[in-house]
C-alpha cells in the first residue's frame, strides 16, 4: 500500500444515515470523489468494499459490493482506499479466472500487478482511431461468409430465451483468430449474472478445449450483488485494453449477457430513486452502454486492437426492447439467432436475413479473404431470401403451383440450412465456408447466379458448368 493510501485510510467517516438495498448514504462527506473505492467496516468487524456513485453537499451515496444487510448505522465506519476503481493488470492474467470484480477464483495466487489501471478506461481520441479493415475468422460459416467480423468492430449477438447463445460464445472464443498476423490473439470473456450451471459450463468448456490458455475469464454469478455486475464488463475491458495497447495483442472481448447488466443498472437506479425512462430503465442507459461499446477499436500507431462481441437476450424476442434497440444504435451491425432454426435442430441457429455487419466490406476481398467473397455472400442472401418467399407461398398454394425453377430454390434453401448454417461444432476456415457455399450454389442453373461474374463461375462452379452455360445460352 502506498503512503498516500495509508494516509487516506486514517480518515474515517462515521455519519452513516441509512441503507437502501445495495446503497449506503453517508452524511457530510463531500471530500469523497465520484468513483472512489471505500472500505466499510461495521460494528462486528466485518469489512465490505464499495464505490462512491454520487456526491452532494448533503449526502454521499456508496454502492456496497457485498451484501448490505447487517450494517449497523451507529457503529459503521467508512475509509477511502483508492481515488477511483482500479484493476491490477499483468500479462500473466491470460489463462486465469476472476470474479466479476477482479478477484482470482481459480485457487491460484493473486496476479502480481504490473500496473493498476482505472476501470473507466481512457477514451480513444477520434483522430487516432484507425478504420477497422482486417478480417477475423470465427470458424462459423454464417458469420465469416455473410456477417463478417472485422478487427476493431463491435458486433452484438441478439439472442432469445432458450437459444444457444452461451454455446455459440464458447465456440467463437475457442475458434476465433486473425489470419496472416504476427501479433498474438487473446480472448477476454466476461459473463454477467450467470447461474452456477453456466459458470461450470464455461469453465469446463474453456479448459476442455484449451481455449483457457489464451483467455482471461471474468465470471459474475447470478447470486452476486447486482452492483458487482456493473463493474464486470469494465474490469474485462480494462484487462483487454492493457493486453492490446501495452502488449500488442489482438483481443476479442465477449460480453454475455448484456441484458443482465442492464437489469442491474435498472435495479440500482430504482434504489437511488431515479426517474425511470423506457420500461423502467435509466434515461442514461444509452450513454452507459456507449461507454462500454466504444472501448472497441484500432488505434493508430498501436499494433494491438480490441474487438467486441456483446451478447444480449431480447425479452420476449422483442427487438424493439430498449436494450437491443439502443445496442443497435451504438454498434456496427447485429447477428440474430433464430428460434425457428433452433426448433429445427440447426446449430448455430444464425438467421442471415436480418443479420448485418456494417463493416463487412472493409475486411473482405482480395488479399484479405477471397476475391469472390462479396459476390458469393450477395448471391447466397438473394437465393435464400427467394427460397424463403417460396416456402411461404407453398404453405398457401402447395408445390404444384411452382415452376421447376422455383422448386430448385426451395431445394436450395433446405440445403443451405442443412449444409451451410448447420455446421455444428466444426471449425471451418473461410476457404471451407466459401467452397461449401459454391457447392450449394452449383445446384442452381448458372443463369440464376446473377450476382457472380462469369470468371468466378468458371473457376468455382460445379464440373458440369460448361454444359449448363451452353444450355443457358441456347435458351436465350
Protein backbone atom coordinates (compact mmCIF):
# COMPACT_ATOMS: atom_id res chain seq x y z
CA UNK A 1 0.00 0.00 0.00
CA UNK A 2 1.32 3.43 -0.90
CA UNK A 3 1.99 6.16 1.67
CA UNK A 4 -0.82 8.19 0.14
CA UNK A 5 -3.35 5.41 0.63
CA UNK A 6 -2.15 4.82 4.20
CA UNK A 7 -2.88 8.46 4.93
CA UNK A 8 -6.30 8.19 3.33
CA UNK A 9 -7.18 5.13 5.40
CA UNK A 10 -6.62 7.09 8.60
CA UNK A 11 -9.58 9.34 7.84
CA UNK A 12 -12.83 7.76 8.92
CA UNK A 13 -16.38 8.76 8.05
CA UNK A 14 -18.92 7.73 10.69
CA UNK A 15 -22.11 9.58 9.83
CA UNK A 16 -23.96 6.79 8.00
CA UNK A 17 -27.54 7.99 7.58
CA UNK A 18 -29.33 4.95 6.17
CA UNK A 19 -29.05 1.93 3.90
CA UNK A 20 -31.36 1.26 0.93
CA UNK A 21 -30.77 -2.06 -0.80
CA UNK A 22 -27.17 -2.05 -2.07
CA UNK A 23 -26.75 1.67 -1.35
CA UNK A 24 -25.28 3.31 1.73
CA UNK A 25 -25.95 7.01 2.34
CA UNK A 26 -23.16 8.85 4.11
CA UNK A 27 -23.82 12.29 5.62
CA UNK A 28 -21.36 15.16 5.26
CA UNK A 29 -18.53 13.61 3.23
CA UNK A 30 -18.21 15.97 0.23
CA UNK A 31 -14.46 15.37 0.01
CA UNK A 32 -15.04 11.81 -1.22
CA UNK A 33 -14.69 11.82 -5.01
CA UNK A 34 -17.03 10.22 -7.53
CA UNK A 35 -15.97 6.62 -8.36
CA UNK A 36 -13.72 6.42 -5.28
CA UNK A 37 -13.34 2.96 -3.70
CA UNK A 38 -14.03 2.74 0.03
CA UNK A 39 -13.86 0.15 2.79
CA UNK A 40 -16.94 -0.23 5.00
CA UNK A 41 -16.47 -1.72 8.47
CA UNK A 42 -19.44 -2.48 10.73
CA UNK A 43 -19.57 -2.91 14.50
CA UNK A 44 -18.85 -6.67 14.30
CA UNK A 45 -15.59 -6.06 12.47
CA UNK A 46 -16.88 -7.34 9.11
CA UNK A 47 -15.43 -5.43 6.18
CA UNK A 48 -17.05 -4.72 2.84
CA UNK A 49 -15.93 -2.68 -0.13
CA UNK A 50 -17.92 -0.11 -2.05
CA UNK A 51 -17.79 2.63 -4.67
CA UNK A 52 -18.92 6.25 -4.50
CA UNK A 53 -21.57 6.83 -7.15
CA UNK A 54 -22.93 10.24 -6.12
CA UNK A 55 -21.59 13.21 -4.18
CA UNK A 56 -23.51 16.26 -2.99
CA UNK A 57 -23.21 18.81 -0.18
CA UNK A 58 -25.62 16.78 1.94
CA UNK A 59 -25.14 13.11 1.05
CA UNK A 60 -22.54 10.81 -0.46
CA UNK A 61 -24.04 7.64 -1.96
CA UNK A 62 -21.96 4.45 -1.89
CA UNK A 63 -22.65 1.20 -3.73
CA UNK A 64 -21.86 -1.72 -1.44
CA UNK A 65 -20.27 -4.57 -3.41
CA UNK A 66 -21.14 -7.30 -0.92
CA UNK A 67 -24.42 -7.98 0.88
CA UNK A 68 -25.52 -4.82 2.71
CA UNK A 69 -27.68 -6.49 5.36
CA UNK A 70 -26.44 -6.30 8.94
CA UNK A 71 -24.85 -2.87 8.64
CA UNK A 72 -25.35 -1.03 11.93
CA UNK A 73 -25.69 2.70 11.26
CA UNK A 74 -24.31 3.76 14.64
CA UNK A 75 -21.08 1.76 14.57
CA UNK A 76 -20.26 1.58 10.84
CA UNK A 77 -17.20 3.43 9.55
CA UNK A 78 -16.10 4.23 6.00
CA UNK A 79 -12.47 4.63 4.87
CA UNK A 80 -11.19 5.76 1.50
CA UNK A 81 -8.98 3.17 -0.24
CA UNK A 82 -8.47 4.49 -3.78
CA UNK A 83 -9.50 7.65 -5.56
CA UNK A 84 -11.06 5.59 -8.38
CA UNK A 85 -11.91 1.94 -9.05
CA UNK A 86 -8.83 0.20 -10.44
CA UNK A 87 -7.78 -3.23 -11.64
CA UNK A 88 -4.31 -4.66 -11.16
CA UNK A 89 -3.25 -5.92 -14.59
CA UNK A 90 -0.42 -8.09 -15.88
CA UNK A 91 0.26 -10.28 -18.89
CA UNK A 92 0.02 -13.28 -16.55
CA UNK A 93 -3.75 -12.72 -16.35
CA UNK A 94 -4.03 -14.82 -19.52
CA UNK A 95 -5.16 -18.31 -18.57
CA UNK A 96 -6.74 -17.14 -15.31
CA UNK A 97 -10.32 -16.93 -13.97
CA UNK A 98 -11.56 -13.99 -11.91
CA UNK A 99 -14.75 -12.93 -10.18
CA UNK A 100 -16.79 -10.06 -11.56
CA UNK A 101 -14.75 -7.59 -9.51
CA UNK A 102 -11.36 -8.99 -10.49
CA UNK A 103 -10.56 -11.36 -7.61
CA UNK A 104 -8.97 -14.72 -8.56
CA UNK A 105 -11.40 -17.68 -8.33
CA UNK A 106 -9.14 -20.42 -9.75
CA UNK A 107 -7.35 -21.30 -6.48
CA UNK A 108 -4.15 -19.70 -7.77
CA UNK A 109 -2.22 -16.84 -6.13
CA UNK A 110 -3.24 -13.24 -6.89
CA UNK A 111 -1.76 -11.69 -10.01
CA UNK A 112 1.34 -9.58 -9.36
CA UNK A 113 0.16 -6.35 -10.94
CA UNK A 114 2.40 -4.57 -13.41
CA UNK A 115 0.02 -1.60 -13.35
CA UNK A 116 -3.19 -0.57 -11.60
CA UNK A 117 -5.49 0.96 -14.19
CA UNK A 118 -8.78 2.84 -13.72
CA UNK A 119 -11.60 0.59 -14.90
CA UNK A 120 -13.32 3.52 -16.58
CA UNK A 121 -10.70 3.32 -19.32
CA UNK A 122 -9.07 6.08 -21.32
CA UNK A 123 -11.20 7.50 -24.16
CA UNK A 124 -9.78 6.83 -27.62
CA UNK A 125 -9.05 10.05 -29.48
CA UNK A 126 -11.34 10.01 -32.55
CA UNK A 127 -8.48 11.32 -34.68
CA UNK A 128 -6.32 8.38 -33.57
CA UNK A 129 -8.94 5.76 -34.45
CA UNK A 130 -7.96 3.60 -37.38
CA UNK A 131 -10.50 2.28 -39.86
CA UNK A 132 -11.27 -1.39 -38.99
CA UNK A 133 -10.41 -3.49 -42.03
CA UNK A 134 -8.79 -6.80 -41.03
CA UNK A 135 -10.84 -9.99 -41.19
CA UNK A 136 -11.34 -12.07 -38.01
CA UNK A 137 -12.13 -15.72 -38.67
CA UNK A 138 -14.60 -17.15 -36.17
CA UNK A 139 -14.73 -20.58 -37.83
CA UNK A 140 -18.51 -20.21 -38.21
CA UNK A 141 -19.58 -20.12 -41.86
CA UNK A 142 -22.65 -17.91 -41.48
CA UNK A 143 -20.64 -15.23 -39.67
CA UNK A 144 -17.44 -15.44 -41.70
CA UNK A 145 -19.11 -15.52 -45.12
CA UNK A 146 -22.23 -13.40 -44.62
CA UNK A 147 -21.84 -11.26 -41.46
CA UNK A 148 -18.08 -10.84 -41.41
CA UNK A 149 -16.44 -9.72 -38.17
CA UNK A 150 -13.68 -7.13 -38.64
CA UNK A 151 -10.85 -6.41 -36.22
CA UNK A 152 -11.80 -3.38 -34.11
CA UNK A 153 -15.54 -3.80 -34.70
CA UNK A 154 -18.34 -4.13 -32.15
CA UNK A 155 -20.85 -6.68 -33.43
CA UNK A 156 -23.57 -7.83 -30.98
CA UNK A 157 -25.38 -11.16 -30.99
CA UNK A 158 -29.14 -10.83 -30.41
CA UNK A 159 -30.45 -13.97 -28.79
CA UNK A 160 -33.64 -15.08 -27.06
CA UNK A 161 -34.53 -17.14 -24.02
CA UNK A 162 -33.53 -20.76 -24.51
CA UNK A 163 -31.38 -20.16 -27.59
CA UNK A 164 -27.77 -21.45 -27.52
CA UNK A 165 -26.02 -18.09 -27.15
CA UNK A 166 -23.67 -19.44 -24.48
CA UNK A 167 -22.62 -22.38 -26.65
CA UNK A 168 -22.02 -20.01 -29.57
CA UNK A 169 -19.97 -17.65 -27.37
CA UNK A 170 -17.78 -20.52 -26.16
CA UNK A 171 -17.30 -21.78 -29.73
CA UNK A 172 -16.26 -18.36 -31.00
CA UNK A 173 -13.85 -17.95 -28.07
CA UNK A 174 -12.30 -21.29 -28.95
CA UNK A 175 -12.04 -20.81 -32.73
CA UNK A 176 -11.51 -17.09 -33.39
CA UNK A 177 -8.25 -15.99 -34.98
CA UNK A 178 -6.74 -13.21 -37.07
CA UNK A 179 -5.29 -14.53 -40.33
CA UNK A 180 -1.84 -13.56 -41.56
CA UNK A 181 -0.95 -11.53 -38.47
CA UNK A 182 2.21 -11.83 -36.44
CA UNK A 183 0.58 -10.34 -33.34
CA UNK A 184 -0.80 -12.65 -30.70
CA UNK A 185 -4.53 -13.23 -30.26
CA UNK A 186 -6.33 -13.30 -26.90
CA UNK A 187 -9.91 -13.59 -25.70
CA UNK A 188 -11.32 -11.69 -22.73
CA UNK A 189 -14.59 -13.30 -21.69
CA UNK A 190 -16.98 -11.60 -19.26
CA UNK A 191 -20.13 -13.35 -18.05
CA UNK A 192 -22.64 -11.30 -16.05
CA UNK A 193 -25.44 -12.66 -13.89
CA UNK A 194 -24.92 -16.27 -14.96
CA UNK A 195 -26.07 -19.30 -12.98
CA UNK A 196 -23.70 -21.76 -11.33
CA UNK A 197 -24.54 -24.24 -14.11
CA UNK A 198 -23.44 -21.71 -16.72
CA UNK A 199 -20.26 -20.93 -14.76
CA UNK A 200 -19.47 -24.64 -14.72
CA UNK A 201 -20.19 -24.91 -18.46
CA UNK A 202 -17.91 -22.02 -19.39
CA UNK A 203 -15.13 -23.17 -17.07
CA UNK A 204 -15.19 -26.77 -18.30
CA UNK A 205 -15.57 -25.76 -21.95
CA UNK A 206 -12.59 -23.40 -21.85
CA UNK A 207 -10.45 -25.96 -20.03
CA UNK A 208 -11.53 -28.92 -22.18
CA UNK A 209 -10.83 -27.20 -25.49
CA UNK A 210 -7.63 -25.49 -24.42
CA UNK A 211 -9.14 -22.04 -25.06
CA UNK A 212 -8.29 -21.02 -21.48
CA UNK A 213 -4.59 -20.89 -22.40
CA UNK A 214 -5.22 -17.69 -24.39
CA UNK A 215 -8.21 -16.33 -22.42
CA UNK A 216 -9.00 -14.19 -19.40
CA UNK A 217 -12.33 -15.01 -17.74
CA UNK A 218 -14.40 -12.70 -15.53
CA UNK A 219 -17.41 -14.55 -14.09
CA UNK A 220 -20.15 -12.71 -12.21
CA UNK A 221 -22.74 -15.13 -10.83
CA UNK A 222 -26.47 -14.54 -10.50
CA UNK A 223 -26.27 -14.60 -6.69
CA UNK A 224 -23.51 -11.99 -6.58
CA UNK A 225 -24.61 -8.43 -5.69
CA UNK A 226 -26.11 -6.52 -8.59
CA UNK A 227 -23.62 -3.69 -8.18
CA UNK A 228 -20.76 -6.07 -8.98
CA UNK A 229 -22.45 -6.74 -12.32
CA UNK A 230 -21.90 -3.11 -13.27
CA UNK A 231 -18.15 -3.47 -12.71
CA UNK A 232 -17.64 -6.78 -14.56
CA UNK A 233 -17.59 -5.50 -18.18
CA UNK A 234 -15.38 -2.58 -17.14
CA UNK A 235 -12.92 -4.95 -15.46
CA UNK A 236 -12.86 -7.10 -18.61
CA UNK A 237 -12.35 -4.13 -20.94
CA UNK A 238 -9.58 -2.73 -18.75
CA UNK A 239 -7.73 -6.06 -18.99
CA UNK A 240 -8.35 -6.08 -22.76
CA UNK A 241 -7.00 -2.54 -23.20
CA UNK A 242 -3.86 -3.45 -21.28
CA UNK A 243 -3.20 -6.56 -23.36
CA UNK A 244 -4.00 -4.76 -26.63
CA UNK A 245 -2.21 -1.47 -26.18
CA UNK A 246 0.66 -2.48 -23.89
CA UNK A 247 1.43 -5.99 -25.20
CA UNK A 248 0.18 -5.74 -28.82
CA UNK A 249 -2.48 -8.46 -28.56
CA UNK A 250 -5.46 -8.60 -30.87
CA UNK A 251 -8.15 -9.03 -28.21
CA UNK A 252 -11.67 -10.33 -28.77
CA UNK A 253 -13.94 -9.28 -25.89
CA UNK A 254 -17.10 -11.37 -25.43
CA UNK A 255 -19.67 -9.85 -23.05
CA UNK A 256 -22.60 -12.02 -22.02
CA UNK A 257 -25.33 -11.29 -21.08
CA UNK A 258 -25.74 -7.53 -21.52
CA UNK A 259 -29.41 -7.86 -20.58
CA UNK A 260 -28.35 -8.92 -17.07
CA UNK A 261 -26.07 -5.89 -16.93
CA UNK A 262 -28.93 -3.55 -17.89
CA UNK A 263 -31.25 -5.19 -15.35
CA UNK A 264 -28.66 -4.43 -12.67
CA UNK A 265 -28.49 -0.85 -13.95
CA UNK A 266 -32.26 -0.58 -13.57
CA UNK A 267 -32.17 -2.10 -10.07
CA UNK A 268 -29.54 0.35 -8.86
CA UNK A 269 -31.42 3.24 -10.49
CA UNK A 270 -34.54 2.22 -8.56
CA UNK A 271 -32.61 2.07 -5.29
CA UNK A 272 -31.32 5.59 -5.97
CA UNK A 273 -34.93 6.71 -6.64
CA UNK A 274 -34.01 7.96 -10.11
CA UNK A 275 -36.73 8.99 -12.55
CA UNK A 276 -37.12 5.95 -14.85
CA UNK A 277 -37.06 6.03 -18.64
CA UNK A 278 -38.46 3.47 -21.09
CA UNK A 279 -39.75 0.35 -19.31
CA UNK A 280 -38.15 1.47 -16.06
CA UNK A 281 -34.58 1.60 -17.35
CA UNK A 282 -32.49 4.69 -16.52
CA UNK A 283 -32.62 7.51 -19.02
CA UNK A 284 -28.82 7.43 -19.24
CA UNK A 285 -28.67 3.76 -20.30
CA UNK A 286 -27.71 4.74 -23.87
CA UNK A 287 -24.72 6.71 -22.58
CA UNK A 288 -23.78 3.94 -20.17
CA UNK A 289 -23.83 1.26 -22.88
CA UNK A 290 -21.90 3.54 -25.24
CA UNK A 291 -19.18 3.95 -22.59
CA UNK A 292 -18.66 0.17 -22.84
CA UNK A 293 -19.10 -0.45 -26.56
CA UNK A 294 -16.96 2.49 -27.66
CA UNK A 295 -13.92 0.98 -25.93
CA UNK A 296 -13.51 -1.25 -29.00
CA UNK A 297 -11.33 -0.10 -31.84
CA UNK A 298 -7.99 0.11 -33.61
CA UNK A 299 -5.65 2.93 -32.58
CA UNK A 300 -3.16 4.47 -34.97
CA UNK A 301 0.42 3.61 -34.02
CA UNK A 302 -0.61 0.65 -31.86
CA UNK A 303 -0.26 -2.93 -33.11
CA UNK A 304 -2.97 -4.32 -30.84
CA UNK A 305 -6.74 -3.93 -31.16
CA UNK A 306 -10.00 -4.60 -29.31
CA UNK A 307 -12.97 -6.25 -30.98
CA UNK A 308 -16.27 -6.73 -29.15
CA UNK A 309 -18.96 -9.40 -29.40
CA UNK A 310 -21.62 -8.39 -26.86
CA UNK A 311 -24.38 -10.97 -26.40
CA UNK A 312 -27.82 -9.98 -25.18
CA UNK A 313 -31.11 -11.80 -24.66
CA UNK A 314 -34.11 -10.00 -26.13
CA UNK A 315 -37.01 -10.24 -23.62
CA UNK A 316 -39.92 -11.96 -25.40
CA UNK A 317 -37.78 -11.95 -28.58
CA UNK A 318 -38.68 -8.26 -28.89
CA UNK A 319 -36.09 -6.42 -30.97
CA UNK A 320 -37.74 -3.08 -30.08
CA UNK A 321 -36.98 -3.62 -26.39
CA UNK A 322 -34.74 -0.79 -25.08
CA UNK A 323 -31.66 -3.00 -24.64
CA UNK A 324 -31.36 -4.36 -28.22
CA UNK A 325 -32.76 -1.11 -29.59
CA UNK A 326 -30.08 1.09 -28.00
CA UNK A 327 -27.37 -1.50 -28.66
CA UNK A 328 -28.26 -1.47 -32.35
CA UNK A 329 -27.77 2.30 -32.49
CA UNK A 330 -24.31 2.16 -30.93
CA UNK A 331 -22.81 -0.91 -32.59
CA UNK A 332 -21.92 -1.76 -36.19
CA UNK A 333 -24.48 -4.40 -37.08
CA UNK A 334 -26.06 -7.40 -35.36
CA UNK A 335 -26.22 -11.19 -35.51
CA UNK A 336 -29.68 -12.67 -34.92
CA UNK A 337 -30.28 -16.14 -33.52
CA UNK A 338 -33.45 -17.72 -34.96
CA UNK A 339 -35.90 -19.64 -32.80
CA UNK A 340 -37.33 -21.28 -35.93
CA UNK A 341 -33.94 -22.65 -36.98
CA UNK A 342 -33.22 -23.73 -33.40
CA UNK A 343 -36.51 -25.66 -33.25
CA UNK A 344 -35.47 -27.43 -36.46
CA UNK A 345 -32.28 -28.64 -34.78
CA UNK A 346 -29.99 -26.25 -36.69
CA UNK A 347 -26.84 -25.16 -34.86
CA UNK A 348 -25.72 -22.42 -34.75
CA UNK A 349 -29.22 -21.06 -35.49
CA UNK A 350 -28.00 -17.79 -37.06
CA UNK A 351 -30.58 -16.10 -39.27
CA UNK A 352 -28.65 -14.41 -42.10
CA UNK A 353 -31.64 -12.39 -43.33
CA UNK A 354 -31.91 -9.65 -40.68
CA UNK A 355 -28.27 -10.05 -39.60
CA UNK A 356 -25.82 -7.42 -40.76
CA UNK A 357 -22.18 -6.41 -40.44
CA UNK A 358 -21.80 -2.77 -41.47
CA UNK A 359 -18.01 -3.09 -41.70
CA UNK A 360 -18.01 -6.36 -43.64
CA UNK A 361 -16.91 -4.82 -46.93
CA UNK A 362 -13.84 -3.31 -45.23
CA UNK A 363 -12.48 -6.72 -44.24
CA UNK A 364 -13.15 -9.00 -47.21
CA UNK A 365 -11.96 -9.38 -50.77
CA UNK A 366 -8.63 -9.85 -52.48
CA UNK A 367 -5.70 -10.01 -50.09
CA UNK A 368 -7.99 -10.38 -47.08
CA UNK A 369 -10.28 -13.34 -47.71
CA UNK A 370 -11.01 -14.20 -51.37
CA UNK A 371 -11.90 -12.08 -54.42
CA UNK A 372 -15.26 -13.86 -54.79
CA UNK A 373 -16.31 -13.36 -51.17
CA UNK A 374 -18.60 -10.34 -51.60
CA UNK A 375 -20.35 -11.75 -54.68
CA UNK A 376 -20.87 -15.15 -53.07
CA UNK A 377 -22.36 -13.51 -49.96
CA UNK A 378 -24.77 -11.43 -52.06
CA UNK A 379 -25.79 -14.46 -54.14
CA UNK A 380 -26.40 -16.63 -51.07
CA UNK A 381 -28.54 -13.97 -49.41
CA UNK A 382 -30.60 -13.37 -52.57
CA UNK A 383 -31.16 -17.06 -53.29
CA UNK A 384 -32.02 -17.89 -49.68
CA UNK A 385 -34.49 -14.98 -49.46
CA UNK A 386 -36.15 -16.24 -52.66
CA UNK A 387 -36.36 -19.74 -51.22
CA UNK A 388 -37.99 -18.47 -48.00
CA UNK A 389 -40.55 -16.48 -50.01
CA UNK A 390 -41.44 -19.62 -51.96
CA UNK A 391 -41.84 -21.58 -48.71
CA UNK A 392 -44.47 -19.12 -47.58
CA UNK A 393 -46.17 -19.39 -50.98
CA UNK A 394 -46.15 -23.20 -50.83
CA UNK A 395 -47.88 -23.05 -47.44
CA UNK A 396 -50.82 -21.40 -49.22
CA UNK A 397 -50.90 -22.88 -52.73
CA UNK A 398 -48.92 -26.14 -52.47
CA UNK A 399 -45.90 -27.17 -54.56
CA UNK A 400 -47.94 -27.99 -57.67
CA UNK A 401 -48.23 -24.28 -58.43
CA UNK A 402 -44.45 -23.88 -58.61
CA UNK A 403 -42.26 -23.93 -61.70
CA UNK A 404 -39.23 -26.22 -61.94
CA UNK A 405 -37.01 -23.22 -61.28
CA UNK A 406 -38.97 -22.38 -58.12
CA UNK A 407 -38.52 -25.94 -56.89
CA UNK A 408 -34.76 -25.55 -57.31
CA UNK A 409 -34.84 -22.51 -55.00
CA UNK A 410 -36.87 -24.47 -52.44
CA UNK A 411 -34.26 -27.23 -52.54
CA UNK A 412 -31.50 -24.62 -52.31
CA UNK A 413 -33.00 -23.09 -49.13
CA UNK A 414 -33.22 -26.51 -47.50
CA UNK A 415 -29.67 -27.45 -48.47
CA UNK A 416 -28.37 -24.03 -47.37
CA UNK A 417 -29.79 -24.53 -43.88
CA UNK A 418 -28.70 -28.15 -43.70
CA UNK A 419 -25.13 -27.89 -45.02
CA UNK A 420 -24.09 -24.26 -44.58
CA UNK A 421 -25.79 -22.84 -41.48
CA UNK A 422 -26.00 -26.16 -39.62
CA UNK A 423 -22.28 -26.81 -39.17
CA UNK A 424 -22.41 -27.92 -35.54
CA UNK A 425 -19.18 -27.53 -33.57
CA UNK A 426 -16.97 -27.78 -36.68
CA UNK A 427 -14.26 -25.16 -37.17
CA UNK A 428 -14.36 -24.03 -40.82
CA UNK A 429 -11.77 -21.83 -42.45
CA UNK A 430 -13.02 -19.05 -44.71
CA UNK A 431 -11.98 -21.13 -47.73
CA UNK A 432 -14.01 -24.08 -46.43
CA UNK A 433 -17.02 -21.80 -45.90
CA UNK A 434 -16.85 -20.29 -49.38
CA UNK A 435 -16.28 -23.68 -51.03
CA UNK A 436 -19.31 -25.05 -49.16
CA UNK A 437 -21.28 -22.08 -50.45
CA UNK A 438 -20.21 -22.81 -54.04
CA UNK A 439 -21.23 -26.46 -53.69
CA UNK A 440 -24.72 -25.34 -52.73
CA UNK A 441 -24.89 -22.59 -55.37
CA UNK A 442 -23.95 -25.16 -58.00
CA UNK A 443 -27.39 -26.72 -57.52
CA UNK A 444 -28.85 -23.65 -59.25
CA UNK A 445 -28.51 -23.07 -63.01
CA UNK A 446 -25.69 -20.65 -63.94
CA UNK A 447 -28.27 -18.32 -65.45
CA UNK A 448 -29.68 -17.74 -61.96
CA UNK A 449 -26.32 -16.69 -60.48
CA UNK A 450 -26.68 -13.05 -61.47
CA UNK A 451 -24.57 -11.70 -58.58
CA UNK A 452 -21.50 -13.66 -59.72
CA UNK A 453 -19.15 -12.88 -62.59
CA UNK A 454 -18.53 -15.31 -65.43
CA UNK A 455 -14.89 -15.66 -64.34
CA UNK A 456 -15.95 -16.62 -60.83
CA UNK A 457 -18.47 -19.15 -62.14
CA UNK A 458 -15.84 -20.59 -64.50
CA UNK A 459 -13.45 -21.06 -61.59
CA UNK A 460 -15.70 -22.32 -58.81
CA UNK A 461 -18.92 -23.73 -60.31
CA UNK A 462 -19.59 -27.49 -60.47
CA UNK A 463 -18.00 -29.82 -63.06
CA UNK A 464 -20.94 -29.50 -65.47
CA UNK A 465 -20.56 -25.74 -65.68
CA UNK A 466 -19.71 -25.53 -69.41
CA UNK A 467 -22.59 -27.80 -70.33
CA UNK A 468 -25.05 -25.80 -68.28
CA UNK A 469 -23.75 -22.49 -69.60
CA UNK A 470 -24.20 -23.73 -73.15
CA UNK A 471 -27.76 -24.81 -72.42
CA UNK A 472 -28.48 -21.44 -70.83
CA UNK A 473 -27.17 -19.58 -73.89
CA UNK A 474 -29.33 -21.67 -76.23
CA UNK A 475 -32.39 -21.00 -74.06
CA UNK A 476 -31.83 -17.27 -74.51
